[in-house]
Amino acid sequence: MVRHFQVAGLVFSLALPEDFPAADLLHNYDPFSIPCPAGEVLFQLELGGPSPEAAGEALFEAKPELGEPVVGLYRCGDGYLAAFSPQPGMPVCGELTMSADFRRGRLHTCGSPMNQAFAVNNALMLLYAFASAPYRALEMHASVVMHGGRGFLFLGRSGTGKSTHSRLWLQHIPGTELLNDDNPVLRVVDGEVRVYGTPWSGKTPCYKAQDVPVGAIVRLNQAPANRIDRLGTVGAYASVMASCSGFRPIRALADAQHETLAVVAQQVPCYRMECLPDAAAARLCQETVDG
């Protein structure tokens, strides 16, 4: 059973066994489903088969954080191996082998249907982030709202209030709509920076195959008072880079991301906002970046 999806204008395929136990838990991909494309796809992911060969050199191992997924990236033959666990202390439920160019992947899953769906989502997110880099795309860790025909991204560390700030816009700024609450994609298309909805939206089920030009990017920090300041180009570059998925030690990925980040930092207004989780913060932000 092979399905094809289009995210931010880029097509990928997923081959599932007919009896895959987590198939009914992957409805987040339905809005992005397309017929079999005539041209080449960005990457192909196939599920099934035995556990992959032993991992080689460790390239990245996430620091365990309570409630956060655990991801490791390793050398594996001529390509790479990624291992996924839902949270610290839980066994690995997905092992993804990838070709050196990230165009082909095979995923071995185990555990409950929910854990296997978790593995599929993380494998597709990782492959997409790596394979899309040469196409001027950045997979972001952000919450994004749409207002007035433009998209506004809220960045920050986990727990800093990105989703809360989006909800405040939805509650207090008429005409606001949520596009994605965790993993939107920025892409430079014909010289314009646009933000796209994706099948990956964290704990908020918001899966929209929509896109709009980017109006602004705001990095949030919790503070006892509300204040917002425009960042210069260097600060904007660093702010956006800190929230995009990728793996900079792989030179080809780093170079591709640098080119896209440079365009974003130069063309999109970026801000740093210290704020409270209140309506006044949302109004100040909207008046500054969209007034």
C-alpha atoms as a PDB file:
ATOM      1  CA  MET A   1       0.000   0.000   0.000  1.00  0.00           C
ATOM      2  CA  VAL A   2       1.841   3.079  -1.305  1.00  0.00           C
ATOM      3  CA  ARG A   3       0.549   6.579  -0.583  1.00  0.00           C
ATOM      4  CA  HIS A   4       1.864   9.899  -1.841  1.00  0.00           C
ATOM      5  CA  PHE A   5       1.764  13.230  -0.016  1.00  0.00           C
ATOM      6  CA  GLN A   6       2.643  16.812  -0.841  1.00  0.00           C
ATOM      7  CA  VAL A   7       3.953  19.183   1.838  1.00  0.00           C
ATOM      8  CA  ALA A   8       5.171  22.681   0.921  1.00  0.00           C
ATOM      9  CA  GLY A   9       5.072  21.711  -2.740  1.00  0.00           C
ATOM     10  CA  LEU A  10       7.381  18.713  -2.238  1.00  0.00           C
ATOM     11  CA  VAL A  11       6.123  15.149  -2.767  1.00  0.00           C
ATOM     12  CA  PHE A  12       7.115  12.037  -0.813  1.00  0.00           C
ATOM     13  CA  SER A  13       5.825   8.480  -0.644  1.00  0.00           C
ATOM     14  CA  LEU A  14       5.051   6.065   2.188  1.00  0.00           C
ATOM     15  CA  ALA A  15       4.790   2.315   1.628  1.00  0.00           C
ATOM     16  CA  LEU A  16       2.859   0.538   4.402  1.00  0.00           C
ATOM     17  CA  PRO A  17       2.271  -3.189   4.860  1.00  0.00           C
ATOM     18  CA  GLU A  18      -1.392  -4.062   4.288  1.00  0.00           C
ATOM     19  CA  ASP A  19      -1.726  -5.197   7.904  1.00  0.00           C
ATOM     20  CA  PHE A  20       0.187  -2.293   9.508  1.00  0.00           C
ATOM     21  CA  PRO A  21      -1.428  -1.975  12.989  1.00  0.00           C
ATOM     22  CA  ALA A  22      -1.099   1.817  13.207  1.00  0.00           C
ATOM     23  CA  ALA A  23      -2.580   2.673   9.791  1.00  0.00           C
ATOM     24  CA  ASP A  24      -5.762   4.054  11.384  1.00  0.00           C
ATOM     25  CA  LEU A  25      -3.671   6.454  13.514  1.00  0.00           C
ATOM     26  CA  LEU A  26      -2.178   8.291  10.527  1.00  0.00           C
ATOM     27  CA  HIS A  27      -5.167  10.433   9.515  1.00  0.00           C
ATOM     28  CA  ASN A  28      -3.040  13.569   9.959  1.00  0.00           C
ATOM     29  CA  TYR A  29      -1.681  12.835   6.463  1.00  0.00           C
ATOM     30  CA  ASP A  30      -5.088  12.749   4.757  1.00  0.00           C
ATOM     31  CA  PRO A  31      -5.234  16.488   3.875  1.00  0.00           C
ATOM     32  CA  PHE A  32      -1.856  16.147   2.129  1.00  0.00           C
ATOM     33  CA  SER A  33      -2.641  12.995   0.153  1.00  0.00           C
ATOM     34  CA  ILE A  34      -2.311  13.240  -3.639  1.00  0.00           C
ATOM     35  CA  PRO A  35      -2.576  10.787  -6.559  1.00  0.00           C
ATOM     36  CA  CYS A  36       0.545   9.019  -7.732  1.00  0.00           C
ATOM     37  CA  PRO A  37       2.761  11.790  -9.162  1.00  0.00           C
ATOM     38  CA  ALA A  38       4.268  11.632 -12.634  1.00  0.00           C
ATOM     39  CA  GLY A  39       7.647  13.019 -11.607  1.00  0.00           C
ATOM     40  CA  GLU A  40      10.328  12.122  -9.105  1.00  0.00           C
ATOM     41  CA  VAL A  41       9.539  12.221  -5.386  1.00  0.00           C
ATOM     42  CA  LEU A  42      11.573  13.923  -2.683  1.00  0.00           C
ATOM     43  CA  PHE A  43      12.026  10.659  -0.775  1.00  0.00           C
ATOM     44  CA  GLN A  44      10.490   7.223  -0.319  1.00  0.00           C
ATOM     45  CA  LEU A  45       9.898   5.605   3.067  1.00  0.00           C
ATOM     46  CA  GLU A  46       9.100   1.897   3.276  1.00  0.00           C
ATOM     47  CA  LEU A  47       7.950   0.117   6.420  1.00  0.00           C
ATOM     48  CA  GLY A  48       8.687  -3.451   7.349  1.00  0.00           C
ATOM     49  CA  GLY A  49      11.570  -5.856   7.338  1.00  0.00           C
ATOM     50  CA  PRO A  50      13.898  -6.912  10.129  1.00  0.00           C
ATOM     51  CA  SER A  51      15.666  -4.671  12.603  1.00  0.00           C
ATOM     52  CA  PRO A  52      18.574  -2.919  10.816  1.00  0.00           C
ATOM     53  CA  GLU A  53      22.237  -3.707  11.252  1.00  0.00           C
ATOM     54  CA  ALA A  54      24.062  -2.431  14.309  1.00  0.00           C
ATOM     55  CA  ALA A  55      24.564   1.326  14.529  1.00  0.00           C
ATOM     56  CA  GLY A  56      27.993   2.779  13.913  1.00  0.00           C
ATOM     57  CA  GLU A  57      29.429   6.098  15.061  1.00  0.00           C
ATOM     58  CA  ALA A  58      27.039   8.189  17.137  1.00  0.00           C
ATOM     59  CA  LEU A  59      26.447  11.558  15.429  1.00  0.00           C
ATOM     60  CA  PHE A  60      23.729  12.859  17.743  1.00  0.00           C
ATOM     61  CA  GLU A  61      21.959  11.632  20.853  1.00  0.00           C
ATOM     62  CA  ALA A  62      19.238  13.805  22.390  1.00  0.00           C
ATOM     63  CA  LYS A  63      19.560  14.691  26.059  1.00  0.00           C
ATOM     64  CA  PRO A  64      16.718  12.934  27.912  1.00  0.00           C
ATOM     65  CA  GLU A  65      13.986  15.400  28.943  1.00  0.00           C
ATOM     66  CA  LEU A  66      10.846  14.275  30.749  1.00  0.00           C
ATOM     67  CA  GLY A  67       7.935  14.013  28.320  1.00  0.00           C
ATOM     68  CA  GLU A  68      10.100  14.680  25.254  1.00  0.00           C
ATOM     69  CA  PRO A  69      10.954  12.125  22.516  1.00  0.00           C
ATOM     70  CA  VAL A  70      14.411  10.566  22.500  1.00  0.00           C
ATOM     71  CA  VAL A  71      16.185  10.566  19.124  1.00  0.00           C
ATOM     72  CA  GLY A  72      19.610   9.247  18.159  1.00  0.00           C
ATOM     73  CA  LEU A  73      21.408   9.567  14.804  1.00  0.00           C
ATOM     74  CA  TYR A  74      24.222   7.183  13.835  1.00  0.00           C
ATOM     75  CA  ARG A  75      26.355   6.116  10.919  1.00  0.00           C
ATOM     76  CA  CYS A  76      25.079   2.927   9.307  1.00  0.00           C
ATOM     77  CA  GLY A  77      26.975   1.482   6.353  1.00  0.00           C
ATOM     78  CA  ASP A  78      27.040   4.102   3.597  1.00  0.00           C
ATOM     79  CA  GLY A  79      24.086   5.959   5.126  1.00  0.00           C
ATOM     80  CA  TYR A  80      22.544   6.744   8.471  1.00  0.00           C
ATOM     81  CA  LEU A  81      20.407   5.202  11.202  1.00  0.00           C
ATOM     82  CA  ALA A  82      17.947   7.080  13.417  1.00  0.00           C
ATOM     83  CA  ALA A  83      16.362   5.529  16.522  1.00  0.00           C
ATOM     84  CA  PHE A  84      13.184   6.863  18.156  1.00  0.00           C
ATOM     85  CA  SER A  85      11.677   6.434  21.607  1.00  0.00           C
ATOM     86  CA  PRO A  86       8.538   8.272  22.834  1.00  0.00           C
ATOM     87  CA  GLN A  87      10.232   9.459  26.027  1.00  0.00           C
ATOM     88  CA  PRO A  88      13.146   8.670  28.355  1.00  0.00           C
ATOM     89  CA  GLY A  89      12.990   5.221  29.918  1.00  0.00           C
ATOM     90  CA  MET A  90      10.836   3.750  27.163  1.00  0.00           C
ATOM     91  CA  PRO A  91      12.238   1.239  24.652  1.00  0.00           C
ATOM     92  CA  VAL A  92      13.079   2.189  21.079  1.00  0.00           C
ATOM     93  CA  CYS A  93       9.981   1.766  18.891  1.00  0.00           C
ATOM     94  CA  GLY A  94      11.396   2.831  15.529  1.00  0.00           C
ATOM     95  CA  GLU A  95      14.690   2.331  13.703  1.00  0.00           C
ATOM     96  CA  LEU A  96      15.067   4.255  10.451  1.00  0.00           C
ATOM     97  CA  THR A  97      17.842   3.491   7.967  1.00  0.00           C
ATOM     98  CA  MET A  98      18.474   6.235   5.398  1.00  0.00           C
ATOM     99  CA  SER A  99      20.535   6.450   2.243  1.00  0.00           C
ATOM    100  CA  ALA A 100      23.374   8.968   2.197  1.00  0.00           C
ATOM    101  CA  ASP A 101      21.285  11.401   0.107  1.00  0.00           C
ATOM    102  CA  PHE A 102      18.151  10.913   2.293  1.00  0.00           C
ATOM    103  CA  ARG A 103      16.104   9.918  -0.762  1.00  0.00           C
ATOM    104  CA  ARG A 104      15.332   6.417   0.531  1.00  0.00           C
ATOM    105  CA  GLY A 105      14.425   5.153   3.969  1.00  0.00           C
ATOM    106  CA  ARG A 106      13.287   1.930   5.596  1.00  0.00           C
ATOM    107  CA  LEU A 107      11.607   1.912   8.994  1.00  0.00           C
ATOM    108  CA  HIS A 108      11.416  -0.996  11.426  1.00  0.00           C
ATOM    109  CA  THR A 109       8.729  -0.453  14.079  1.00  0.00           C
ATOM    110  CA  CYS A 110       7.652  -2.322  17.198  1.00  0.00           C
ATOM    111  CA  GLY A 111       5.490  -1.844  20.273  1.00  0.00           C
ATOM    112  CA  SER A 112       1.903  -0.642  20.520  1.00  0.00           C
ATOM    113  CA  PRO A 113       0.075   0.851  17.516  1.00  0.00           C
ATOM    114  CA  MET A 114       0.402   4.283  19.121  1.00  0.00           C
ATOM    115  CA  ASN A 115       4.173   3.892  19.467  1.00  0.00           C
ATOM    116  CA  GLN A 116       4.458   2.648  15.892  1.00  0.00           C
ATOM    117  CA  ALA A 117       2.504   5.679  14.649  1.00  0.00           C
ATOM    118  CA  PHE A 118       4.891   7.853  16.678  1.00  0.00           C
ATOM    119  CA  ALA A 119       7.820   6.197  14.899  1.00  0.00           C
ATOM    120  CA  VAL A 120       6.281   6.786  11.452  1.00  0.00           C
ATOM    121  CA  ASN A 121       5.631  10.456  12.195  1.00  0.00           C
ATOM    122  CA  ASN A 122       9.157  11.033  13.453  1.00  0.00           C
ATOM    123  CA  ALA A 123      10.739   9.135  10.568  1.00  0.00           C
ATOM    124  CA  LEU A 124       8.812  11.197   8.026  1.00  0.00           C
ATOM    125  CA  MET A 125       9.605  14.468   9.804  1.00  0.00           C
ATOM    126  CA  LEU A 126      13.301  13.656   9.919  1.00  0.00           C
ATOM    127  CA  LEU A 127      13.501  12.512   6.306  1.00  0.00           C
ATOM    128  CA  TYR A 128      11.558  15.556   5.184  1.00  0.00           C
ATOM    129  CA  ALA A 129      13.794  17.970   7.110  1.00  0.00           C
ATOM    130  CA  PHE A 130      16.955  16.442   5.635  1.00  0.00           C
ATOM    131  CA  ALA A 131      15.777  15.750   2.074  1.00  0.00           C
ATOM    132  CA  SER A 132      14.049  19.130   1.625  1.00  0.00           C
ATOM    133  CA  ALA A 133      17.038  21.274   2.642  1.00  0.00           C
ATOM    134  CA  PRO A 134      18.337  21.699  -0.955  1.00  0.00           C
ATOM    135  CA  TYR A 135      14.869  22.950  -1.984  1.00  0.00           C
ATOM    136  CA  ARG A 136      15.023  26.124   0.126  1.00  0.00           C
ATOM    137  CA  ALA A 137      12.859  24.588   2.853  1.00  0.00           C
ATOM    138  CA  LEU A 138      13.187  24.766   6.634  1.00  0.00           C
ATOM    139  CA  GLU A 139      11.166  22.555   8.941  1.00  0.00           C
ATOM    140  CA  MET A 140      10.537  24.744  11.985  1.00  0.00           C
ATOM    141  CA  HIS A 141       9.732  24.168  15.644  1.00  0.00           C
ATOM    142  CA  ALA A 142       7.117  26.898  15.957  1.00  0.00           C
ATOM    143  CA  SER A 143       3.470  27.773  16.347  1.00  0.00           C
ATOM    144  CA  VAL A 144       2.024  29.808  13.477  1.00  0.00           C
ATOM    145  CA  VAL A 145      -1.177  31.763  12.996  1.00  0.00           C
ATOM    146  CA  MET A 146      -2.663  33.370   9.894  1.00  0.00           C
ATOM    147  CA  HIS A 147      -4.057  36.891   9.934  1.00  0.00           C
ATOM    148  CA  GLY A 148      -4.813  39.250   7.085  1.00  0.00           C
ATOM    149  CA  GLY A 149      -3.510  36.802   4.505  1.00  0.00           C
ATOM    150  CA  ARG A 150      -0.077  36.436   6.140  1.00  0.00           C
ATOM    151  CA  GLY A 151       1.526  33.975   8.541  1.00  0.00           C
ATOM    152  CA  PHE A 152       3.129  34.846  11.876  1.00  0.00           C
ATOM    153  CA  LEU A 153       5.513  32.362  13.494  1.00  0.00           C
ATOM    154  CA  PHE A 154       6.162  32.192  17.233  1.00  0.00           C
ATOM    155  CA  LEU A 155       9.467  30.596  18.233  1.00  0.00           C
ATOM    156  CA  GLY A 156      10.911  29.650  21.612  1.00  0.00           C
ATOM    157  CA  ARG A 157      12.161  26.821  23.757  1.00  0.00           C
ATOM    158  CA  SER A 158       9.705  24.152  24.839  1.00  0.00           C
ATOM    159  CA  GLY A 159       7.462  25.554  27.561  1.00  0.00           C
ATOM    160  CA  THR A 160       7.984  29.241  26.713  1.00  0.00           C
ATOM    161  CA  GLY A 161       4.405  29.746  25.587  1.00  0.00           C
ATOM    162  CA  LYS A 162       4.333  29.461  21.789  1.00  0.00           C
ATOM    163  CA  SER A 163       1.000  27.651  21.751  1.00  0.00           C
ATOM    164  CA  THR A 164      -0.362  29.929  24.473  1.00  0.00           C
ATOM    165  CA  HIS A 165       0.541  33.030  22.456  1.00  0.00           C
ATOM    166  CA  SER A 166      -1.181  31.577  19.379  1.00  0.00           C
ATOM    167  CA  ARG A 167      -4.297  30.889  21.464  1.00  0.00           C
ATOM    168  CA  LEU A 168      -4.230  34.489  22.713  1.00  0.00           C
ATOM    169  CA  TRP A 169      -4.225  35.737  19.119  1.00  0.00           C
ATOM    170  CA  LEU A 170      -7.122  33.402  18.336  1.00  0.00           C
ATOM    171  CA  GLN A 171      -9.078  34.696  21.336  1.00  0.00           C
ATOM    172  CA  HIS A 172      -8.323  38.409  21.113  1.00  0.00           C
ATOM    173  CA  ILE A 173      -7.329  39.230  17.510  1.00  0.00           C
ATOM    174  CA  PRO A 174     -10.410  38.863  15.254  1.00  0.00           C
ATOM    175  CA  GLY A 175      -9.798  37.079  11.975  1.00  0.00           C
ATOM    176  CA  THR A 176      -6.931  34.933  13.306  1.00  0.00           C
ATOM    177  CA  GLU A 177      -6.672  31.268  12.309  1.00  0.00           C
ATOM    178  CA  LEU A 178      -4.218  28.597  13.446  1.00  0.00           C
ATOM    179  CA  LEU A 179      -2.124  27.103  10.643  1.00  0.00           C
ATOM    180  CA  ASN A 180       0.133  24.752  12.631  1.00  0.00           C
ATOM    181  CA  ASP A 181       1.097  24.430  16.288  1.00  0.00           C
ATOM    182  CA  ASP A 182       4.448  22.668  16.233  1.00  0.00           C
ATOM    183  CA  ASN A 183       6.169  21.895  12.908  1.00  0.00           C
ATOM    184  CA  PRO A 184       5.334  24.254  10.042  1.00  0.00           C
ATOM    185  CA  VAL A 185       7.644  24.559   7.025  1.00  0.00           C
ATOM    186  CA  LEU A 186       9.215  27.782   5.756  1.00  0.00           C
ATOM    187  CA  ARG A 187      10.109  27.736   2.084  1.00  0.00           C
ATOM    188  CA  VAL A 188      11.506  30.308  -0.326  1.00  0.00           C
ATOM    189  CA  VAL A 189       9.461  30.111  -3.545  1.00  0.00           C
ATOM    190  CA  ASP A 190      10.196  32.492  -6.436  1.00  0.00           C
ATOM    191  CA  GLY A 191      12.008  34.781  -4.022  1.00  0.00           C
ATOM    192  CA  GLU A 192       9.121  34.918  -1.524  1.00  0.00           C
ATOM    193  CA  VAL A 193       9.236  33.373   1.969  1.00  0.00           C
ATOM    194  CA  ARG A 194       6.059  31.375   2.644  1.00  0.00           C
ATOM    195  CA  VAL A 195       4.909  29.253   5.572  1.00  0.00           C
ATOM    196  CA  TYR A 196       3.114  25.945   5.061  1.00  0.00           C
ATOM    197  CA  GLY A 197       0.949  23.705   7.181  1.00  0.00           C
ATOM    198  CA  THR A 198       2.161  20.122   7.631  1.00  0.00           C
ATOM    199  CA  PRO A 199       0.938  16.741   8.940  1.00  0.00           C
ATOM    200  CA  TRP A 200       3.009  17.363  12.090  1.00  0.00           C
ATOM    201  CA  SER A 201       1.450  19.656  14.668  1.00  0.00           C
ATOM    202  CA  GLY A 202       2.472  18.364  18.083  1.00  0.00           C
ATOM    203  CA  LYS A 203      -0.346  17.863  20.587  1.00  0.00           C
ATOM    204  CA  THR A 204      -2.729  20.161  18.692  1.00  0.00           C
ATOM    205  CA  PRO A 205      -4.569  18.411  15.830  1.00  0.00           C
ATOM    206  CA  CYS A 206      -4.167  21.127  13.183  1.00  0.00           C
ATOM    207  CA  TYR A 207      -3.287  19.597   9.798  1.00  0.00           C
ATOM    208  CA  LYS A 208      -3.947  22.117   7.026  1.00  0.00           C
ATOM    209  CA  ALA A 209      -2.633  21.919   3.468  1.00  0.00           C
ATOM    210  CA  GLN A 210      -2.510  25.710   3.274  1.00  0.00           C
ATOM    211  CA  ASP A 211       0.230  28.306   2.878  1.00  0.00           C
ATOM    212  CA  VAL A 212       0.600  32.082   3.113  1.00  0.00           C
ATOM    213  CA  PRO A 213       3.432  34.621   2.825  1.00  0.00           C
ATOM    214  CA  VAL A 214       5.307  35.154   6.085  1.00  0.00           C
ATOM    215  CA  GLY A 215       4.489  38.442   7.792  1.00  0.00           C
ATOM    216  CA  ALA A 216       6.908  38.180  10.715  1.00  0.00           C
ATOM    217  CA  ILE A 217       8.777  35.786  12.998  1.00  0.00           C
ATOM    218  CA  VAL A 218       8.732  36.393  16.757  1.00  0.00           C
ATOM    219  CA  ARG A 219      10.911  34.687  19.374  1.00  0.00           C
ATOM    220  CA  LEU A 220       9.134  34.585  22.730  1.00  0.00           C
ATOM    221  CA  ASN A 221      10.572  34.680  26.239  1.00  0.00           C
ATOM    222  CA  GLN A 222       8.582  34.667  29.468  1.00  0.00           C
ATOM    223  CA  ALA A 223       8.944  37.924  31.425  1.00  0.00           C
ATOM    224  CA  PRO A 224       7.134  40.005  34.083  1.00  0.00           C
ATOM    225  CA  ALA A 225       6.203  42.666  31.498  1.00  0.00           C
ATOM    226  CA  ASN A 226       5.447  42.890  27.780  1.00  0.00           C
ATOM    227  CA  ARG A 227       8.073  44.260  25.403  1.00  0.00           C
ATOM    228  CA  ILE A 228       8.929  43.627  21.752  1.00  0.00           C
ATOM    229  CA  ASP A 229      12.014  44.654  19.753  1.00  0.00           C
ATOM    230  CA  ARG A 230      13.007  44.252  16.094  1.00  0.00           C
ATOM    231  CA  LEU A 231      16.110  42.115  15.482  1.00  0.00           C
ATOM    232  CA  GLY A 232      18.881  42.968  13.058  1.00  0.00           C
ATOM    233  CA  THR A 233      19.863  40.585  10.276  1.00  0.00           C
ATOM    234  CA  VAL A 234      22.450  38.703  12.346  1.00  0.00           C
ATOM    235  CA  GLY A 235      20.089  38.340  15.296  1.00  0.00           C
ATOM    236  CA  ALA A 236      17.290  37.240  12.996  1.00  0.00           C
ATOM    237  CA  TYR A 237      19.511  34.591  11.400  1.00  0.00           C
ATOM    238  CA  ALA A 238      20.500  33.194  14.816  1.00  0.00           C
ATOM    239  CA  SER A 239      16.914  33.260  16.093  1.00  0.00           C
ATOM    240  CA  VAL A 240      15.474  31.346  13.141  1.00  0.00           C
ATOM    241  CA  MET A 241      18.404  28.913  12.973  1.00  0.00           C
ATOM    242  CA  ALA A 242      17.886  27.935  16.627  1.00  0.00           C
ATOM    243  CA  SER A 243      14.364  26.704  15.816  1.00  0.00           C
ATOM    244  CA  CYS A 244      14.843  24.884  12.508  1.00  0.00           C
ATOM    245  CA  SER A 245      15.301  21.136  12.199  1.00  0.00           C
ATOM    246  CA  GLY A 246      18.413  19.798  10.547  1.00  0.00           C
ATOM    247  CA  PHE A 247      21.853  18.501  11.363  1.00  0.00           C
ATOM    248  CA  ARG A 248      24.629  21.010  10.817  1.00  0.00           C
ATOM    249  CA  PRO A 249      27.557  18.553  11.139  1.00  0.00           C
ATOM    250  CA  ILE A 250      26.436  17.117   7.779  1.00  0.00           C
ATOM    251  CA  ARG A 251      28.024  19.765   5.547  1.00  0.00           C
ATOM    252  CA  ALA A 252      25.627  19.490   2.607  1.00  0.00           C
ATOM    253  CA  LEU A 253      22.635  20.046   4.894  1.00  0.00           C
ATOM    254  CA  ALA A 254      24.316  22.931   6.703  1.00  0.00           C
ATOM    255  CA  ASP A 255      25.208  24.712   3.452  1.00  0.00           C
ATOM    256  CA  ALA A 256      21.691  24.338   2.065  1.00  0.00           C
ATOM    257  CA  GLN A 257      20.109  25.578   5.288  1.00  0.00           C
ATOM    258  CA  HIS A 258      22.506  28.535   5.431  1.00  0.00           C
ATOM    259  CA  GLU A 259      21.356  29.738   2.004  1.00  0.00           C
ATOM    260  CA  THR A 260      17.709  29.589   3.059  1.00  0.00           C
ATOM    261  CA  LEU A 261      18.320  31.157   6.462  1.00  0.00           C
ATOM    262  CA  ALA A 262      20.151  34.058   4.839  1.00  0.00           C
ATOM    263  CA  VAL A 263      17.148  34.823   2.623  1.00  0.00           C
ATOM    264  CA  VAL A 264      14.711  34.561   5.558  1.00  0.00           C
ATOM    265  CA  ALA A 265      16.828  36.809   7.806  1.00  0.00           C
ATOM    266  CA  GLN A 266      17.139  39.462   5.121  1.00  0.00           C
ATOM    267  CA  GLN A 267      13.533  39.466   3.890  1.00  0.00           C
ATOM    268  CA  VAL A 268      11.325  38.657   6.899  1.00  0.00           C
ATOM    269  CA  PRO A 269      10.917  41.043   9.871  1.00  0.00           C
ATOM    270  CA  CYS A 270      12.071  39.174  12.992  1.00  0.00           C
ATOM    271  CA  TYR A 271      11.452  40.194  16.586  1.00  0.00           C
ATOM    272  CA  ARG A 272      12.283  39.235  20.157  1.00  0.00           C
ATOM    273  CA  MET A 273       9.367  39.527  22.567  1.00  0.00           C
ATOM    274  CA  GLU A 274       9.412  39.359  26.356  1.00  0.00           C
ATOM    275  CA  CYS A 275       5.874  38.762  27.487  1.00  0.00           C
ATOM    276  CA  LEU A 276       3.240  37.602  29.898  1.00  0.00           C
ATOM    277  CA  PRO A 277       0.613  35.043  28.852  1.00  0.00           C
ATOM    278  CA  ASP A 278      -2.109  37.691  28.563  1.00  0.00           C
ATOM    279  CA  ALA A 279      -4.301  39.468  26.046  1.00  0.00           C
ATOM    280  CA  ALA A 280      -2.159  42.601  26.225  1.00  0.00           C
ATOM    281  CA  ALA A 281       0.840  40.613  24.946  1.00  0.00           C
ATOM    282  CA  ALA A 282      -1.114  39.368  21.947  1.00  0.00           C
ATOM    283  CA  ARG A 283      -2.368  42.865  21.134  1.00  0.00           C
ATOM    284  CA  LEU A 284       1.100  44.416  21.467  1.00  0.00           C
ATOM    285  CA  CYS A 285       2.571  41.741  19.240  1.00  0.00           C
ATOM    286  CA  GLN A 286      -0.121  42.101  16.578  1.00  0.00           C
ATOM    287  CA  GLU A 287       0.023  45.896  16.570  1.00  0.00           C
ATOM    288  CA  THR A 288       3.812  45.787  16.155  1.00  0.00           C
ATOM    289  CA  VAL A 289       4.235  43.045  13.540  1.00  0.00           C
ATOM    290  CA  ASP A 290       0.917  43.374  11.685  1.00  0.00           C
ATOM    291  CA  GLY A 291      -0.307  46.878  12.444  1.00  0.00           C
END
